[in-house]
Amino acid sequence: MQRRYLDDLFAFVAVARARSFTKAAAKLGVSQSALSHTIRGLEDRVGIRLLTRTTRSVSPTQAGERLLRSVGPRLDEIETELDALADLRERPAGTVRITSIDYVADTILWPRLVGLLGEYPDIKVEIVIDYGLTDIVAQGFDAGVRSGEQIAKDMIAVRIGPDSSMAVVGAPAYFDARSEPKTPRDLVDHNCINLRLPTRGGLYAWEFEKEGQELNVRVEGQLVFNGTYQMLNAALAGLGLAYLPEELAKPHLAQGRLRRVLADWCPPSAGFHLYYPSRRQHSAAFALVVDALRYRQYVPPPI
């Protein structure tokens, strides 16, 4: 795209939103005639009328409405990022509130934030553990963490982890008196460790997929928790099968403390993403937190 288009698009969005050349020119700090010339030049280059002009009003054409919907939010993001860079000239400060599950908080958020917090002592981070699909706007959070397929389309999503798989695991002692399940349906005959999700009003149904076939199984067992690590500890104690993030189970699988079953029914899925509202004005502190979660790797202190 030619660079001159960018200035022209900013001008078009200003006029289309204000529905007035006079108001848009005042906002942009240019003359009305210059602004009108800019819009005509843009329309000539794209080869289509973008604004309908009358003596009393200005309104986008159908093509103009489409262009406004597609580029308007992107230009807002550019302005927000430029403002955030300007804020970095001052010392970033403030509180950033994030909702997450405990596993992600421990393995992704904390390792990447520890260095940032040391560099910027005026930035505060509050991490709230929550397995519900929290409305982050209504609950006053700056951001949340979910797997990619769970994020609403009106949110900005930033990948902070690779594709991941779930794993059905149990201790070797658990299998001493039981045969391994061959299909997810066999789980109905096993003592399974359940997870309660507050927003779903009940127990989480274990999700499986193989060769395009999706299957959800509601399991039963003696134990119900609302956290991942409690489920892991119960599985290590031989008290049942648990459905856990593969990365959490890996060290115990490698050391023989857990055994995995139904691996062919647990394909990789979209990794964890940090998500936040696209239209909210974000602080410099928030921008630094996002960058840390996206790019930083934890470097342990020297011993």
Protein backbone atom coordinates (compact mmCIF):
# COMPACT_ATOMS: atom_id res chain seq x y z
CA MET A 1 0.00 0.00 0.00
CA GLN A 2 1.33 3.45 -0.89
CA ARG A 3 2.12 5.55 2.19
CA ARG A 4 -0.10 8.41 1.11
CA TYR A 5 -3.10 6.13 1.51
CA LEU A 6 -2.65 6.09 5.28
CA ASP A 7 -3.14 9.84 5.69
CA ASP A 8 -6.06 9.71 3.28
CA LEU A 9 -7.70 6.91 5.25
CA PHE A 10 -7.37 8.86 8.50
CA ALA A 11 -9.06 11.78 6.75
CA PHE A 12 -11.85 9.59 5.36
CA VAL A 13 -12.59 8.00 8.75
CA ALA A 14 -12.74 11.44 10.39
CA VAL A 15 -15.26 12.73 7.84
CA ALA A 16 -17.34 9.53 7.79
CA ARG A 17 -17.64 9.50 11.58
CA ALA A 18 -18.33 13.22 11.94
CA ARG A 19 -20.71 13.25 8.94
CA SER A 20 -19.28 16.69 8.29
CA PHE A 21 -16.30 18.14 6.45
CA THR A 22 -16.36 21.18 8.73
CA LYS A 23 -16.16 19.18 11.97
CA ALA A 24 -13.61 16.72 10.59
CA ALA A 25 -11.40 19.56 9.27
CA ALA A 26 -11.44 21.22 12.71
CA LYS A 27 -10.47 17.94 14.38
CA LEU A 28 -7.64 17.27 11.93
CA GLY A 29 -6.41 20.87 11.92
CA VAL A 30 -6.69 21.35 8.16
CA SER A 31 -8.84 23.53 5.95
CA GLN A 32 -12.16 22.26 4.68
CA SER A 33 -11.07 22.69 1.06
CA ALA A 34 -7.87 20.71 1.65
CA LEU A 35 -9.82 17.93 3.31
CA SER A 36 -12.32 17.81 0.46
CA HIS A 37 -9.42 17.60 -2.02
CA THR A 38 -7.90 14.70 -0.02
CA ILE A 39 -11.16 12.73 -0.08
CA ARG A 40 -11.63 13.30 -3.82
CA GLY A 41 -8.08 12.08 -4.41
CA LEU A 42 -8.75 8.92 -2.38
CA GLU A 43 -11.96 8.24 -4.29
CA ASP A 44 -10.13 8.71 -7.60
CA ARG A 45 -7.43 6.23 -6.60
CA VAL A 46 -9.81 3.52 -5.39
CA GLY A 47 -12.16 4.16 -8.30
CA ILE A 48 -15.40 4.36 -6.32
CA ARG A 49 -17.44 7.00 -4.50
CA LEU A 50 -17.02 6.72 -0.71
CA LEU A 51 -19.10 9.68 0.51
CA THR A 52 -22.42 11.11 -0.55
CA ARG A 53 -22.39 14.90 -0.29
CA THR A 54 -25.38 17.21 -0.13
CA THR A 55 -25.67 20.85 0.86
CA ARG A 56 -26.71 19.81 4.37
CA SER A 57 -25.01 16.53 5.14
CA VAL A 58 -22.29 14.03 4.35
CA SER A 59 -22.83 10.27 4.64
CA PRO A 60 -20.85 7.18 3.61
CA THR A 61 -21.94 5.24 0.54
CA GLN A 62 -22.27 1.47 0.77
CA ALA A 63 -18.61 1.16 -0.18
CA GLY A 64 -17.75 3.87 2.33
CA GLU A 65 -19.57 2.06 5.13
CA ARG A 66 -17.65 -1.10 4.34
CA LEU A 67 -14.33 0.75 4.34
CA LEU A 68 -15.21 2.50 7.61
CA ARG A 69 -16.06 -0.78 9.35
CA SER A 70 -12.88 -2.48 8.17
CA VAL A 71 -10.22 0.21 8.57
CA GLY A 72 -11.71 2.36 11.35
CA PRO A 73 -10.85 -0.01 14.22
CA ARG A 74 -7.38 -0.65 12.78
CA LEU A 75 -6.61 3.04 12.60
CA ASP A 76 -7.84 3.37 16.19
CA GLU A 77 -5.33 0.69 17.19
CA ILE A 78 -2.53 2.55 15.42
CA GLU A 79 -3.39 5.77 17.27
CA THR A 80 -3.58 3.89 20.57
CA GLU A 81 -0.15 2.33 20.04
CA LEU A 82 1.36 5.68 19.13
CA ASP A 83 -0.15 7.23 22.26
CA ALA A 84 1.23 4.34 24.32
CA LEU A 85 4.71 4.95 22.92
CA ALA A 86 4.42 8.60 23.85
CA ASP A 87 3.43 7.58 27.37
CA LEU A 88 6.64 5.56 27.66
CA ARG A 89 8.55 8.82 27.87
CA GLU A 90 7.10 9.05 31.37
CA ARG A 91 7.60 6.34 33.97
CA PRO A 92 4.81 3.75 33.41
CA ALA A 93 2.61 3.16 36.43
CA GLY A 94 -0.76 1.70 37.32
CA THR A 95 -2.56 -1.56 38.02
CA VAL A 96 -3.29 -4.19 35.38
CA ARG A 97 -5.97 -6.75 36.31
CA ILE A 98 -5.98 -10.13 34.54
CA THR A 99 -8.25 -13.13 34.98
CA SER A 100 -6.77 -16.56 34.27
CA ILE A 101 -6.83 -20.20 35.28
CA ASP A 102 -4.22 -21.30 37.81
CA TYR A 103 -2.22 -23.43 35.37
CA VAL A 104 -1.66 -20.51 32.95
CA ALA A 105 -0.94 -18.10 35.80
CA ASP A 106 1.82 -20.35 37.11
CA THR A 107 3.38 -21.50 33.84
CA ILE A 108 2.95 -18.50 31.51
CA LEU A 109 1.94 -15.29 33.26
CA TRP A 110 4.16 -15.32 36.31
CA PRO A 111 7.41 -16.47 34.62
CA ARG A 112 7.12 -13.71 32.01
CA LEU A 113 6.01 -10.94 34.36
CA VAL A 114 8.62 -11.41 37.07
CA GLY A 115 11.33 -9.61 35.07
CA LEU A 116 9.01 -6.80 34.00
CA LEU A 117 7.91 -6.07 37.56
CA GLY A 118 11.52 -5.83 38.63
CA GLU A 119 12.23 -3.25 35.93
CA TYR A 120 9.08 -1.18 36.54
CA PRO A 121 8.33 -0.99 40.26
CA ASP A 122 5.37 1.37 39.72
CA ILE A 123 3.45 -1.22 37.68
CA LYS A 124 1.14 -3.44 39.70
CA VAL A 125 -0.43 -6.65 38.40
CA GLU A 126 -3.45 -8.38 39.91
CA ILE A 127 -4.09 -11.94 38.70
CA VAL A 128 -7.43 -13.47 39.66
CA ILE A 129 -7.85 -17.22 39.26
CA ASP A 130 -11.20 -17.95 37.65
CA TYR A 131 -12.43 -20.95 35.66
CA GLY A 132 -15.60 -19.15 34.56
CA LEU A 133 -15.92 -17.44 31.19
CA THR A 134 -15.75 -14.05 32.88
CA ASP A 135 -17.04 -10.91 31.20
CA ILE A 136 -13.84 -8.93 31.64
CA VAL A 137 -15.46 -5.60 30.77
CA ALA A 138 -18.34 -5.98 33.22
CA GLN A 139 -16.03 -7.26 35.97
CA GLY A 140 -13.45 -4.50 35.56
CA PHE A 141 -10.56 -6.60 34.23
CA ASP A 142 -8.07 -5.22 31.75
CA ALA A 143 -7.54 -8.62 30.12
CA GLY A 144 -8.25 -12.31 30.41
CA VAL A 145 -6.72 -15.58 29.26
CA ARG A 146 -8.58 -18.23 27.25
CA SER A 147 -7.83 -20.79 24.59
CA GLY A 148 -8.09 -19.33 21.11
CA GLU A 149 -11.45 -20.78 20.09
CA GLN A 150 -13.23 -19.32 23.14
CA ILE A 151 -12.50 -15.64 22.45
CA ALA A 152 -15.25 -13.31 21.23
CA LYS A 153 -14.67 -11.71 17.84
CA ASP A 154 -14.85 -8.16 19.19
CA MET A 155 -11.75 -8.74 21.33
CA ILE A 156 -8.09 -8.37 20.46
CA ALA A 157 -6.35 -11.70 21.01
CA VAL A 158 -2.60 -12.09 21.56
CA ARG A 159 -1.16 -15.60 21.53
CA ILE A 160 0.95 -16.21 24.63
CA GLY A 161 1.39 -19.97 24.37
CA PRO A 162 1.84 -22.66 21.70
CA ASP A 163 -0.84 -25.11 20.59
CA SER A 164 -1.58 -27.45 23.46
CA SER A 165 -3.28 -30.76 24.19
CA MET A 166 -5.23 -32.18 27.09
CA ALA A 167 -4.28 -35.54 28.58
CA VAL A 168 -6.20 -38.23 30.46
CA VAL A 169 -3.86 -39.55 33.13
CA GLY A 170 -3.84 -41.83 36.13
CA ALA A 171 -1.28 -43.26 38.54
CA PRO A 172 0.11 -46.74 37.83
CA ALA A 173 -1.47 -47.93 41.09
CA TYR A 174 -4.89 -46.89 39.77
CA PHE A 175 -4.53 -49.26 36.81
CA ASP A 176 -3.46 -52.23 38.97
CA ALA A 177 -7.10 -53.22 39.42
CA ARG A 178 -8.55 -51.62 36.26
CA SER A 179 -8.03 -51.97 32.54
CA GLU A 180 -7.15 -48.91 30.51
CA PRO A 181 -10.02 -47.21 28.64
CA LYS A 182 -9.77 -47.77 24.89
CA THR A 183 -12.33 -45.14 23.88
CA PRO A 184 -13.76 -42.12 25.71
CA ARG A 185 -17.02 -44.02 26.26
CA ASP A 186 -15.12 -46.48 28.46
CA LEU A 187 -14.62 -43.66 30.98
CA VAL A 188 -18.11 -44.25 32.37
CA ASP A 189 -16.68 -47.34 34.06
CA HIS A 190 -13.84 -45.42 35.70
CA ASN A 191 -13.42 -43.29 38.81
CA CYS A 192 -12.83 -39.86 37.24
CA ILE A 193 -11.82 -36.62 38.94
CA ASN A 194 -14.25 -33.88 37.98
CA LEU A 195 -13.82 -30.13 37.46
CA ARG A 196 -16.63 -27.75 38.36
CA LEU A 197 -17.02 -24.68 36.17
CA PRO A 198 -19.06 -21.87 37.74
CA THR A 199 -20.43 -20.37 34.53
CA ARG A 200 -21.63 -23.69 33.15
CA GLY A 201 -23.60 -24.51 36.27
CA GLY A 202 -22.18 -27.97 36.60
CA LEU A 203 -19.33 -30.34 35.93
CA TYR A 204 -17.08 -29.98 32.92
CA ALA A 205 -17.68 -32.55 30.18
CA TRP A 206 -14.39 -34.00 28.95
CA GLU A 207 -13.88 -33.09 25.27
CA PHE A 208 -12.40 -35.50 22.74
CA GLU A 209 -11.84 -35.60 18.98
CA LYS A 210 -10.53 -38.22 16.59
CA GLU A 211 -10.60 -38.23 12.78
CA GLY A 212 -13.21 -35.50 12.73
CA GLN A 213 -15.45 -37.15 15.30
CA GLU A 214 -16.10 -34.99 18.36
CA LEU A 215 -17.26 -36.57 21.60
CA ASN A 216 -18.05 -35.03 24.99
CA VAL A 217 -18.23 -37.37 27.97
CA ARG A 218 -19.73 -36.53 31.36
CA VAL A 219 -17.70 -38.60 33.77
CA GLU A 220 -18.34 -39.57 37.38
CA GLY A 221 -16.14 -40.20 40.38
CA GLN A 222 -15.53 -39.60 44.05
CA LEU A 223 -13.81 -36.22 43.74
CA VAL A 224 -14.77 -32.80 42.38
CA PHE A 225 -12.46 -29.78 42.37
CA ASN A 226 -12.51 -26.29 40.91
CA GLY A 227 -8.76 -26.13 40.25
CA THR A 228 -6.26 -28.00 38.07
CA TYR A 229 -3.55 -28.66 40.62
CA GLN A 230 -5.93 -30.35 43.05
CA MET A 231 -6.96 -32.70 40.25
CA LEU A 232 -3.31 -33.45 39.51
CA ASN A 233 -2.57 -34.26 43.16
CA ALA A 234 -5.57 -36.57 43.35
CA ALA A 235 -4.45 -38.41 40.22
CA LEU A 236 -0.91 -38.76 41.61
CA ALA A 237 -2.43 -40.28 44.76
CA GLY A 238 -4.11 -42.96 42.65
CA LEU A 239 -7.63 -41.74 43.38
CA GLY A 240 -8.83 -41.61 39.77
CA LEU A 241 -8.30 -40.41 36.24
CA ALA A 242 -7.78 -36.70 35.59
CA TYR A 243 -8.19 -34.61 32.43
CA LEU A 244 -5.28 -32.13 32.53
CA PRO A 245 -3.16 -29.92 30.29
CA GLU A 246 -0.50 -32.14 28.75
CA GLU A 247 2.33 -29.82 29.79
CA LEU A 248 1.27 -30.06 33.42
CA ALA A 249 1.32 -33.85 33.31
CA LYS A 250 4.55 -34.24 31.30
CA PRO A 251 7.08 -34.26 34.18
CA HIS A 252 5.08 -36.89 36.04
CA LEU A 253 4.63 -38.98 32.89
CA ALA A 254 8.39 -38.86 32.24
CA GLN A 255 9.14 -40.06 35.78
CA GLY A 256 6.53 -42.81 35.70
CA ARG A 257 4.28 -41.31 38.37
CA LEU A 258 1.43 -41.02 35.86
CA ARG A 259 0.31 -43.06 32.86
CA ARG A 260 -1.49 -41.51 29.90
CA VAL A 261 -4.47 -43.05 28.11
CA LEU A 262 -6.64 -42.03 25.13
CA ALA A 263 -3.81 -39.94 23.67
CA ASP A 264 -5.16 -40.46 20.13
CA TRP A 265 -8.42 -38.78 21.22
CA CYS A 266 -6.68 -35.59 22.43
CA PRO A 267 -5.33 -33.67 19.41
CA PRO A 268 -3.62 -30.27 19.78
CA SER A 269 -5.92 -27.26 20.02
CA ALA A 270 -5.48 -23.50 19.86
CA GLY A 271 -3.04 -22.33 22.52
CA PHE A 272 -3.75 -19.79 25.23
CA HIS A 273 -4.34 -16.17 24.25
CA LEU A 274 -4.46 -12.94 26.20
CA TYR A 275 -7.57 -11.04 25.12
CA TYR A 276 -8.83 -7.52 25.78
CA PRO A 277 -11.36 -5.01 24.38
CA SER A 278 -10.45 -3.51 21.02
CA ARG A 279 -11.90 -0.06 21.69
CA ARG A 280 -10.57 0.63 25.15
CA GLN A 281 -7.80 3.17 25.64
CA HIS A 282 -4.94 1.28 27.26
CA SER A 283 -2.19 2.64 29.48
CA ALA A 284 1.55 2.40 28.96
CA ALA A 285 1.67 -0.06 31.85
CA PHE A 286 -0.85 -2.31 30.09
CA ALA A 287 1.14 -2.15 26.83
CA LEU A 288 4.28 -3.26 28.67
CA VAL A 289 2.43 -6.17 30.29
CA VAL A 290 1.09 -7.32 26.91
CA ASP A 291 4.55 -7.13 25.35
CA ALA A 292 6.05 -9.08 28.25
CA LEU A 293 3.49 -11.86 27.90
CA ARG A 294 3.95 -11.99 24.16
CA TYR A 295 7.72 -11.83 23.89
CA ARG A 296 9.53 -12.41 27.18
CA GLN A 297 11.05 -15.65 28.32
CA TYR A 298 11.79 -16.28 31.97
CA VAL A 299 15.47 -16.15 32.89
CA PRO A 300 16.07 -17.46 36.43
CA PRO A 301 18.39 -15.43 38.65
CA PRO A 302 21.94 -16.71 39.09
CA ILE A 303 22.46 -18.98 42.07
